[in-house]
Amino acid sequence: MNYELLNTVDTDADIWPDIKKRITENNAKILTLAASPIYGGILEKEGLKGVNIVDLVTKRTYHPGEYRFFNRVRVPDSSKVDMNDDGSIDIIHEGENIGREYLFPDSRRAAQDVRFNNPDGTLDYIEEYAADGSLFSNIFYFNGDMQEIVFYDAEERPVLRYYYYPRLQ
């Protein structure tokens, strides 16, 4: 079986047409190393087959045509998912803005992630969704620095964790 090993698929890269041509001519599959919540959608759009190492470990599969509606994100009970006039989406809990939701590009309702803030306004964590709406990861921050990423399986169980340690100065 032929594979094209890539860190990630970047369809905007100048070299992408050449890579795609080589994959197609060799009847190859793409094998990627870096996790991407839109990987399944990219493969579907490009008409290619592939597997991502993180998806393989988590046993994640992509479900075409599905997505998480913007008001179906996971927020604390009694929170309000509030669409603003400018298209931004605030998460309001007990009168306080506790985060902001982002949608997938070229979508007016498919949730990409929710970025929750600490009381002082700094980033606390991001809950990230795959293109099909399934829970993809949580990314935790401390003092503005990424500390940990947790990747989930289809049953939303944590399967893989990456830890980031601060550089000593």
N, C-alpha and C. Protein backbone atom coordinates (compact mmCIF):
# COMPACT_ATOMS: atom_id res chain seq x y z
N MET A 1 0.85 -1.17 0.00
CA MET A 1 0.00 0.00 0.00
C MET A 1 0.89 1.23 0.00
N ASN A 2 0.56 2.22 -0.80
CA ASN A 2 1.33 3.45 -0.92
C ASN A 2 0.78 4.52 0.02
N TYR A 3 1.69 5.20 0.71
CA TYR A 3 1.33 6.30 1.59
C TYR A 3 2.16 7.52 1.25
N GLU A 4 1.57 8.68 1.43
CA GLU A 4 2.28 9.94 1.36
C GLU A 4 2.31 10.48 2.78
N LEU A 5 3.48 10.50 3.40
CA LEU A 5 3.63 10.92 4.78
C LEU A 5 3.78 12.44 4.84
N LEU A 6 2.87 13.09 5.57
CA LEU A 6 2.87 14.54 5.72
C LEU A 6 2.68 14.88 7.19
N ASN A 7 3.20 16.01 7.61
CA ASN A 7 2.91 16.45 8.96
C ASN A 7 1.43 16.86 9.05
N THR A 8 0.99 17.62 8.06
CA THR A 8 -0.40 18.05 7.99
C THR A 8 -0.75 18.31 6.52
N VAL A 9 -2.01 18.44 6.23
CA VAL A 9 -2.45 18.76 4.87
C VAL A 9 -2.74 20.26 4.81
N ASP A 10 -2.01 20.96 3.96
CA ASP A 10 -2.21 22.39 3.79
C ASP A 10 -2.57 22.64 2.32
N THR A 11 -3.85 22.70 2.04
CA THR A 11 -4.31 22.86 0.66
C THR A 11 -4.01 24.25 0.09
N ASP A 12 -3.62 25.19 0.95
CA ASP A 12 -3.26 26.54 0.49
C ASP A 12 -1.78 26.65 0.13
N ALA A 13 -0.99 25.64 0.44
CA ALA A 13 0.45 25.68 0.15
C ALA A 13 0.69 25.60 -1.35
N ASP A 14 1.69 26.31 -1.81
CA ASP A 14 2.04 26.32 -3.24
C ASP A 14 2.33 24.92 -3.76
N ILE A 15 2.86 24.06 -2.92
CA ILE A 15 3.26 22.71 -3.35
C ILE A 15 2.10 21.71 -3.33
N TRP A 16 0.94 22.09 -2.74
CA TRP A 16 -0.17 21.16 -2.60
C TRP A 16 -0.61 20.53 -3.93
N PRO A 17 -0.76 21.27 -5.03
CA PRO A 17 -1.18 20.63 -6.29
C PRO A 17 -0.23 19.50 -6.72
N ASP A 18 1.07 19.69 -6.50
CA ASP A 18 2.03 18.65 -6.85
C ASP A 18 1.89 17.43 -5.94
N ILE A 19 1.69 17.69 -4.65
CA ILE A 19 1.50 16.58 -3.70
C ILE A 19 0.24 15.80 -4.05
N LYS A 20 -0.85 16.52 -4.30
CA LYS A 20 -2.11 15.86 -4.62
C LYS A 20 -1.99 15.05 -5.91
N LYS A 21 -1.30 15.60 -6.90
CA LYS A 21 -1.10 14.89 -8.16
C LYS A 21 -0.34 13.58 -7.92
N ARG A 22 0.71 13.64 -7.11
CA ARG A 22 1.51 12.45 -6.81
C ARG A 22 0.68 11.41 -6.06
N ILE A 23 -0.14 11.86 -5.12
CA ILE A 23 -1.01 10.95 -4.36
C ILE A 23 -1.98 10.25 -5.31
N THR A 24 -2.59 11.03 -6.18
CA THR A 24 -3.58 10.49 -7.12
C THR A 24 -2.93 9.52 -8.11
N GLU A 25 -1.80 9.92 -8.68
CA GLU A 25 -1.11 9.06 -9.66
C GLU A 25 -0.65 7.74 -9.05
N ASN A 26 -0.23 7.76 -7.79
CA ASN A 26 0.26 6.55 -7.13
C ASN A 26 -0.82 5.79 -6.37
N ASN A 27 -2.07 6.26 -6.50
CA ASN A 27 -3.18 5.63 -5.79
C ASN A 27 -2.82 5.45 -4.31
N ALA A 28 -2.28 6.52 -3.73
CA ALA A 28 -1.77 6.48 -2.36
C ALA A 28 -2.79 7.03 -1.37
N LYS A 29 -2.53 6.74 -0.10
CA LYS A 29 -3.27 7.32 1.01
C LYS A 29 -2.37 8.34 1.69
N ILE A 30 -2.99 9.33 2.30
CA ILE A 30 -2.24 10.31 3.07
C ILE A 30 -2.11 9.80 4.50
N LEU A 31 -0.93 9.90 5.05
CA LEU A 31 -0.68 9.58 6.45
C LEU A 31 -0.14 10.85 7.10
N THR A 32 -0.91 11.44 8.03
CA THR A 32 -0.48 12.69 8.67
C THR A 32 -0.15 12.47 10.14
N LEU A 33 0.76 13.29 10.62
CA LEU A 33 1.23 13.19 12.00
C LEU A 33 0.53 14.17 12.94
N ALA A 34 0.33 15.39 12.50
CA ALA A 34 -0.27 16.42 13.35
C ALA A 34 -1.79 16.29 13.37
N ALA A 35 -2.37 16.42 14.54
CA ALA A 35 -3.82 16.33 14.69
C ALA A 35 -4.50 17.53 14.05
N SER A 36 -5.66 17.30 13.46
CA SER A 36 -6.42 18.39 12.86
C SER A 36 -7.91 18.08 12.96
N PRO A 37 -8.70 18.98 13.54
CA PRO A 37 -10.13 18.74 13.65
C PRO A 37 -10.86 18.78 12.29
N ILE A 38 -10.19 19.30 11.26
CA ILE A 38 -10.84 19.38 9.95
C ILE A 38 -10.30 18.35 8.96
N TYR A 39 -9.50 17.42 9.45
CA TYR A 39 -8.85 16.44 8.58
C TYR A 39 -9.84 15.66 7.71
N GLY A 40 -10.87 15.12 8.33
CA GLY A 40 -11.88 14.36 7.58
C GLY A 40 -12.55 15.21 6.51
N GLY A 41 -12.85 16.44 6.83
CA GLY A 41 -13.46 17.35 5.87
C GLY A 41 -12.55 17.67 4.70
N ILE A 42 -11.26 17.83 4.99
CA ILE A 42 -10.28 18.09 3.92
C ILE A 42 -10.21 16.90 2.98
N LEU A 43 -10.11 15.70 3.54
CA LEU A 43 -10.05 14.50 2.69
C LEU A 43 -11.28 14.39 1.81
N GLU A 44 -12.45 14.64 2.41
CA GLU A 44 -13.70 14.56 1.65
C GLU A 44 -13.70 15.59 0.52
N LYS A 45 -13.33 16.82 0.83
CA LYS A 45 -13.32 17.90 -0.17
C LYS A 45 -12.33 17.62 -1.29
N GLU A 46 -11.16 17.07 -0.94
CA GLU A 46 -10.11 16.82 -1.93
C GLU A 46 -10.30 15.48 -2.64
N GLY A 47 -11.24 14.67 -2.18
CA GLY A 47 -11.48 13.37 -2.81
C GLY A 47 -10.35 12.38 -2.59
N LEU A 48 -9.72 12.44 -1.43
CA LEU A 48 -8.57 11.59 -1.12
C LEU A 48 -8.88 10.70 0.07
N LYS A 49 -8.06 9.68 0.24
CA LYS A 49 -8.18 8.79 1.39
C LYS A 49 -6.95 9.00 2.26
N GLY A 50 -7.14 8.85 3.57
CA GLY A 50 -6.01 9.03 4.44
C GLY A 50 -6.33 8.67 5.87
N VAL A 51 -5.29 8.73 6.68
CA VAL A 51 -5.41 8.46 8.11
C VAL A 51 -4.47 9.39 8.85
N ASN A 52 -4.90 9.84 9.99
CA ASN A 52 -4.09 10.67 10.87
C ASN A 52 -3.70 9.81 12.07
N ILE A 53 -2.46 9.93 12.51
CA ILE A 53 -1.96 9.11 13.62
C ILE A 53 -2.79 9.32 14.89
N VAL A 54 -3.13 10.57 15.22
CA VAL A 54 -3.93 10.83 16.42
C VAL A 54 -5.32 10.22 16.26
N ASP A 55 -5.92 10.35 15.08
CA ASP A 55 -7.23 9.72 14.84
C ASP A 55 -7.15 8.21 14.95
N LEU A 56 -6.04 7.64 14.52
CA LEU A 56 -5.84 6.20 14.62
C LEU A 56 -5.77 5.77 16.09
N VAL A 57 -5.03 6.51 16.89
CA VAL A 57 -4.89 6.18 18.31
C VAL A 57 -6.23 6.34 19.04
N THR A 58 -6.97 7.40 18.72
CA THR A 58 -8.25 7.65 19.39
C THR A 58 -9.41 6.87 18.75
N LYS A 59 -9.12 6.20 17.63
CA LYS A 59 -10.14 5.45 16.86
C LYS A 59 -11.26 6.37 16.37
N ARG A 60 -10.87 7.60 16.04
CA ARG A 60 -11.82 8.59 15.54
C ARG A 60 -12.16 8.31 14.08
N THR A 61 -13.41 8.45 13.72
CA THR A 61 -13.84 8.38 12.32
C THR A 61 -14.61 9.65 12.00
N TYR A 62 -14.63 10.00 10.73
CA TYR A 62 -15.29 11.22 10.27
C TYR A 62 -16.66 10.87 9.71
N HIS A 63 -17.67 11.66 10.06
CA HIS A 63 -19.05 11.45 9.61
C HIS A 63 -19.46 12.61 8.70
N PRO A 64 -19.32 12.43 7.38
CA PRO A 64 -19.63 13.52 6.43
C PRO A 64 -21.06 14.03 6.60
N GLY A 65 -21.22 15.33 6.42
CA GLY A 65 -22.55 15.93 6.45
C GLY A 65 -23.06 16.27 7.84
N GLU A 66 -22.31 15.89 8.88
CA GLU A 66 -22.73 16.21 10.24
C GLU A 66 -21.88 17.37 10.77
N TYR A 67 -22.44 18.13 11.71
CA TYR A 67 -21.71 19.19 12.38
C TYR A 67 -22.43 19.52 13.67
N ARG A 68 -21.77 20.29 14.55
CA ARG A 68 -22.39 20.71 15.81
C ARG A 68 -22.96 22.11 15.59
N PHE A 69 -24.26 22.25 15.76
CA PHE A 69 -24.93 23.54 15.61
C PHE A 69 -24.40 24.49 16.68
N PHE A 70 -24.24 25.76 16.34
CA PHE A 70 -23.57 26.72 17.22
C PHE A 70 -24.18 26.82 18.62
N ASN A 71 -25.48 26.57 18.76
CA ASN A 71 -26.07 26.68 20.10
C ASN A 71 -26.13 25.33 20.82
N ARG A 72 -25.39 24.35 20.30
CA ARG A 72 -25.31 23.03 20.93
C ARG A 72 -23.92 22.76 21.51
N VAL A 73 -23.15 23.82 21.73
CA VAL A 73 -21.84 23.65 22.35
C VAL A 73 -22.04 23.40 23.84
N ARG A 74 -21.03 22.80 24.45
CA ARG A 74 -21.12 22.48 25.87
C ARG A 74 -20.71 23.70 26.69
N VAL A 75 -21.68 24.22 27.45
CA VAL A 75 -21.46 25.38 28.31
C VAL A 75 -22.06 25.07 29.68
N PRO A 76 -21.69 25.82 30.71
CA PRO A 76 -22.29 25.60 32.03
C PRO A 76 -23.81 25.73 31.97
N ASP A 77 -24.49 24.98 32.84
CA ASP A 77 -25.95 25.07 32.92
C ASP A 77 -26.37 26.52 33.08
N SER A 78 -27.45 26.88 32.48
CA SER A 78 -28.08 28.20 32.49
C SER A 78 -27.26 29.27 31.76
N SER A 79 -26.26 28.85 31.01
CA SER A 79 -25.52 29.82 30.20
C SER A 79 -26.29 30.14 28.94
N LYS A 80 -26.00 31.29 28.38
CA LYS A 80 -26.65 31.75 27.16
C LYS A 80 -25.62 31.81 26.05
N VAL A 81 -25.92 31.20 24.91
CA VAL A 81 -25.09 31.30 23.72
C VAL A 81 -25.70 32.42 22.90
N ASP A 82 -25.00 33.56 22.81
CA ASP A 82 -25.59 34.78 22.30
C ASP A 82 -24.90 35.23 21.01
N MET A 83 -25.64 35.18 19.90
CA MET A 83 -25.12 35.64 18.61
C MET A 83 -25.24 37.16 18.56
N ASN A 84 -24.12 37.80 18.27
CA ASN A 84 -24.08 39.26 18.19
C ASN A 84 -24.35 39.72 16.75
N ASP A 85 -24.65 41.00 16.60
CA ASP A 85 -24.94 41.57 15.28
C ASP A 85 -23.78 41.39 14.31
N ASP A 86 -22.54 41.39 14.83
CA ASP A 86 -21.37 41.27 13.96
C ASP A 86 -21.01 39.82 13.63
N GLY A 87 -21.83 38.86 14.11
CA GLY A 87 -21.58 37.45 13.83
C GLY A 87 -20.76 36.74 14.88
N SER A 88 -20.20 37.48 15.84
CA SER A 88 -19.47 36.84 16.93
C SER A 88 -20.47 36.21 17.89
N ILE A 89 -20.00 35.26 18.67
CA ILE A 89 -20.89 34.54 19.58
C ILE A 89 -20.28 34.56 20.98
N ASP A 90 -21.01 35.12 21.92
CA ASP A 90 -20.56 35.19 23.30
C ASP A 90 -21.24 34.10 24.13
N ILE A 91 -20.50 33.64 25.14
CA ILE A 91 -21.06 32.70 26.11
C ILE A 91 -21.24 33.51 27.40
N ILE A 92 -22.49 33.68 27.81
CA ILE A 92 -22.83 34.49 28.97
C ILE A 92 -23.33 33.56 30.07
N HIS A 93 -22.72 33.69 31.26
CA HIS A 93 -23.14 32.88 32.41
C HIS A 93 -23.30 33.80 33.61
N GLU A 94 -24.50 33.81 34.17
CA GLU A 94 -24.83 34.66 35.31
C GLU A 94 -24.44 36.12 35.05
N GLY A 95 -24.70 36.57 33.83
CA GLY A 95 -24.47 37.95 33.44
C GLY A 95 -23.04 38.28 33.04
N GLU A 96 -22.13 37.35 33.16
CA GLU A 96 -20.73 37.57 32.82
C GLU A 96 -20.38 36.88 31.51
N ASN A 97 -19.58 37.55 30.69
CA ASN A 97 -19.08 36.94 29.47
C ASN A 97 -17.93 36.01 29.87
N ILE A 98 -18.15 34.68 29.74
CA ILE A 98 -17.13 33.72 30.17
C ILE A 98 -16.36 33.12 29.00
N GLY A 99 -16.75 33.48 27.78
CA GLY A 99 -16.03 32.93 26.64
C GLY A 99 -16.62 33.37 25.32
N ARG A 100 -16.00 32.87 24.28
CA ARG A 100 -16.42 33.20 22.93
C ARG A 100 -16.38 31.92 22.09
N GLU A 101 -17.36 31.80 21.23
CA GLU A 101 -17.45 30.65 20.33
C GLU A 101 -17.02 31.08 18.93
N TYR A 102 -16.37 30.16 18.24
CA TYR A 102 -15.93 30.39 16.87
C TYR A 102 -16.54 29.33 15.98
N LEU A 103 -16.89 29.75 14.76
CA LEU A 103 -17.49 28.84 13.78
C LEU A 103 -16.45 28.47 12.73
N PHE A 104 -16.68 27.33 12.08
CA PHE A 104 -15.80 26.95 10.98
C PHE A 104 -15.92 27.98 9.86
N PRO A 105 -14.81 28.29 9.18
CA PRO A 105 -14.86 29.25 8.07
C PRO A 105 -15.90 28.82 7.03
N ASP A 106 -16.52 29.81 6.41
CA ASP A 106 -17.54 29.58 5.39
C ASP A 106 -18.75 28.84 5.95
N SER A 107 -18.98 29.00 7.24
CA SER A 107 -20.14 28.39 7.89
C SER A 107 -20.83 29.46 8.71
N ARG A 108 -22.13 29.41 8.77
CA ARG A 108 -22.85 30.37 9.58
C ARG A 108 -23.38 29.73 10.86
N ARG A 109 -23.10 28.41 11.05
CA ARG A 109 -23.64 27.77 12.24
C ARG A 109 -22.87 26.57 12.76
N ALA A 110 -21.82 26.11 12.08
CA ALA A 110 -21.07 24.92 12.50
C ALA A 110 -19.99 25.31 13.51
N ALA A 111 -20.14 24.85 14.75
CA ALA A 111 -19.21 25.20 15.83
C ALA A 111 -17.83 24.59 15.59
N GLN A 112 -16.81 25.44 15.70
CA GLN A 112 -15.42 25.01 15.59
C GLN A 112 -14.81 24.84 16.99
N ASP A 113 -14.99 25.84 17.84
CA ASP A 113 -14.47 25.74 19.21
C ASP A 113 -15.10 26.79 20.09
N VAL A 114 -14.95 26.58 21.40
CA VAL A 114 -15.36 27.56 22.40
C VAL A 114 -14.13 27.85 23.24
N ARG A 115 -13.83 29.15 23.41
CA ARG A 115 -12.66 29.58 24.18
C ARG A 115 -13.15 30.22 25.48
N PHE A 116 -12.93 29.50 26.57
CA PHE A 116 -13.38 29.95 27.88
C PHE A 116 -12.29 30.77 28.57
N ASN A 117 -12.71 31.80 29.29
CA ASN A 117 -11.80 32.71 29.97
C ASN A 117 -11.81 32.50 31.47
N ASN A 118 -10.69 32.82 32.10
CA ASN A 118 -10.62 32.92 33.55
C ASN A 118 -11.33 34.21 33.96
N PRO A 119 -11.65 34.36 35.24
CA PRO A 119 -12.30 35.61 35.68
C PRO A 119 -11.52 36.87 35.34
N ASP A 120 -10.19 36.78 35.23
CA ASP A 120 -9.40 37.97 34.89
C ASP A 120 -9.33 38.23 33.39
N GLY A 121 -10.02 37.40 32.58
CA GLY A 121 -10.07 37.60 31.14
C GLY A 121 -9.04 36.83 30.35
N THR A 122 -8.09 36.19 31.02
CA THR A 122 -7.08 35.39 30.31
C THR A 122 -7.70 34.07 29.86
N LEU A 123 -7.10 33.48 28.84
CA LEU A 123 -7.61 32.23 28.29
C LEU A 123 -7.42 31.09 29.29
N ASP A 124 -8.49 30.35 29.55
CA ASP A 124 -8.46 29.20 30.45
C ASP A 124 -8.30 27.91 29.66
N TYR A 125 -9.27 27.64 28.78
CA TYR A 125 -9.16 26.46 27.92
C TYR A 125 -10.04 26.60 26.69
N ILE A 126 -9.73 25.77 25.70
CA ILE A 126 -10.49 25.73 24.45
C ILE A 126 -11.07 24.34 24.31
N GLU A 127 -12.37 24.28 24.06
CA GLU A 127 -13.00 23.01 23.71
C GLU A 127 -13.17 23.02 22.20
N GLU A 128 -12.51 22.08 21.54
CA GLU A 128 -12.42 22.07 20.09
C GLU A 128 -13.27 20.93 19.53
N TYR A 129 -13.99 21.20 18.44
CA TYR A 129 -14.85 20.21 17.80
C TYR A 129 -14.31 19.84 16.43
N ALA A 130 -14.46 18.59 16.07
CA ALA A 130 -14.10 18.13 14.73
C ALA A 130 -15.11 18.68 13.73
N ALA A 131 -14.77 18.61 12.46
CA ALA A 131 -15.66 19.13 11.41
C ALA A 131 -17.03 18.46 11.44
N ASP A 132 -17.11 17.22 11.94
CA ASP A 132 -18.39 16.52 12.01
C ASP A 132 -19.14 16.79 13.31
N GLY A 133 -18.62 17.69 14.16
CA GLY A 133 -19.30 18.08 15.38
C GLY A 133 -18.91 17.29 16.62
N SER A 134 -18.13 16.25 16.47
CA SER A 134 -17.73 15.47 17.64
C SER A 134 -16.67 16.24 18.44
N LEU A 135 -16.60 15.94 19.74
CA LEU A 135 -15.58 16.56 20.58
C LEU A 135 -14.22 16.09 20.11
N PHE A 136 -13.34 17.02 19.79
CA PHE A 136 -12.02 16.69 19.28
C PHE A 136 -10.96 16.77 20.37
N SER A 137 -10.89 17.95 21.04
CA SER A 137 -9.86 18.12 22.06
C SER A 137 -10.23 19.22 23.04
N ASN A 138 -9.52 19.23 24.15
CA ASN A 138 -9.51 20.36 25.07
C ASN A 138 -8.06 20.82 25.16
N ILE A 139 -7.87 22.12 25.08
CA ILE A 139 -6.53 22.70 25.15
C ILE A 139 -6.52 23.61 26.38
N PHE A 140 -5.66 23.29 27.34
CA PHE A 140 -5.61 24.01 28.60
C PHE A 140 -4.45 24.99 28.64
N TYR A 141 -4.68 26.16 29.24
CA TYR A 141 -3.69 27.23 29.31
C TYR A 141 -3.46 27.65 30.76
N PHE A 142 -2.28 28.19 31.02
CA PHE A 142 -1.96 28.80 32.30
C PHE A 142 -1.04 29.98 32.03
N ASN A 143 -1.42 31.14 32.54
CA ASN A 143 -0.64 32.37 32.30
C ASN A 143 -0.37 32.60 30.82
N GLY A 144 -1.35 32.31 29.99
CA GLY A 144 -1.22 32.54 28.55
C GLY A 144 -0.46 31.49 27.78
N ASP A 145 0.07 30.49 28.46
CA ASP A 145 0.85 29.44 27.79
C ASP A 145 0.06 28.14 27.74
N MET A 146 0.13 27.47 26.61
CA MET A 146 -0.50 26.17 26.47
C MET A 146 0.18 25.18 27.42
N GLN A 147 -0.62 24.42 28.17
CA GLN A 147 -0.10 23.47 29.13
C GLN A 147 -0.35 22.02 28.73
N GLU A 148 -1.53 21.77 28.11
CA GLU A 148 -1.92 20.39 27.84
C GLU A 148 -2.97 20.37 26.74
N ILE A 149 -2.92 19.32 25.91
CA ILE A 149 -3.99 19.04 24.96
C ILE A 149 -4.47 17.62 25.24
N VAL A 150 -5.78 17.46 25.33
CA VAL A 150 -6.39 16.15 25.54
C VAL A 150 -7.22 15.83 24.31
N PHE A 151 -6.96 14.68 23.68
CA PHE A 151 -7.72 14.23 22.52
C PHE A 151 -8.69 13.14 22.95
N TYR A 152 -9.89 13.16 22.37
CA TYR A 152 -10.97 12.28 22.79
C TYR A 152 -11.36 11.26 21.73
N ASP A 153 -11.95 10.15 22.18
CA ASP A 153 -12.50 9.17 21.25
C ASP A 153 -13.96 9.52 20.96
N ALA A 154 -14.65 8.67 20.21
CA ALA A 154 -16.03 8.94 19.80
C ALA A 154 -16.99 8.99 20.99
N GLU A 155 -16.63 8.33 22.09
CA GLU A 155 -17.48 8.34 23.29
C GLU A 155 -17.08 9.47 24.25
N GLU A 156 -16.24 10.38 23.78
CA GLU A 156 -15.75 11.54 24.52
C GLU A 156 -14.94 11.15 25.75
N ARG A 157 -14.22 10.04 25.63
CA ARG A 157 -13.29 9.63 26.68
C ARG A 157 -11.90 10.13 26.29
N PRO A 158 -11.13 10.67 27.26
CA PRO A 158 -9.77 11.10 26.95
C PRO A 158 -8.90 9.90 26.61
N VAL A 159 -8.16 9.99 25.50
CA VAL A 159 -7.35 8.87 25.04
C VAL A 159 -5.87 9.24 24.98
N LEU A 160 -5.58 10.45 24.55
CA LEU A 160 -4.21 10.87 24.32
C LEU A 160 -4.01 12.27 24.88
N ARG A 161 -2.90 12.46 25.58
CA ARG A 161 -2.59 13.77 26.17
C ARG A 161 -1.19 14.21 25.74
N TYR A 162 -1.10 15.47 25.37
CA TYR A 162 0.20 16.10 25.12
C TYR A 162 0.40 17.11 26.25
N TYR A 163 1.57 17.08 26.88
CA TYR A 163 1.90 18.06 27.91
C TYR A 163 2.98 18.99 27.39
N TYR A 164 2.85 20.25 27.71
CA TYR A 164 3.85 21.25 27.31
C TYR A 164 4.46 21.83 28.58
N TYR A 165 5.76 21.87 28.61
CA TYR A 165 6.46 22.38 29.77
C TYR A 165 7.10 23.71 29.42
N PRO A 166 7.00 24.66 30.35
CA PRO A 166 7.58 25.99 30.04
C PRO A 166 9.09 25.91 29.93
N ARG A 167 9.62 26.76 29.08
CA ARG A 167 11.07 26.86 28.93
C ARG A 167 11.65 27.52 30.16
N LEU A 168 12.73 26.98 30.63
CA LEU A 168 13.45 27.63 31.73
C LEU A 168 14.26 28.77 31.17
N GLN A 169 14.27 29.87 31.86
CA GLN A 169 14.96 31.05 31.33
C GLN A 169 16.26 31.28 32.04
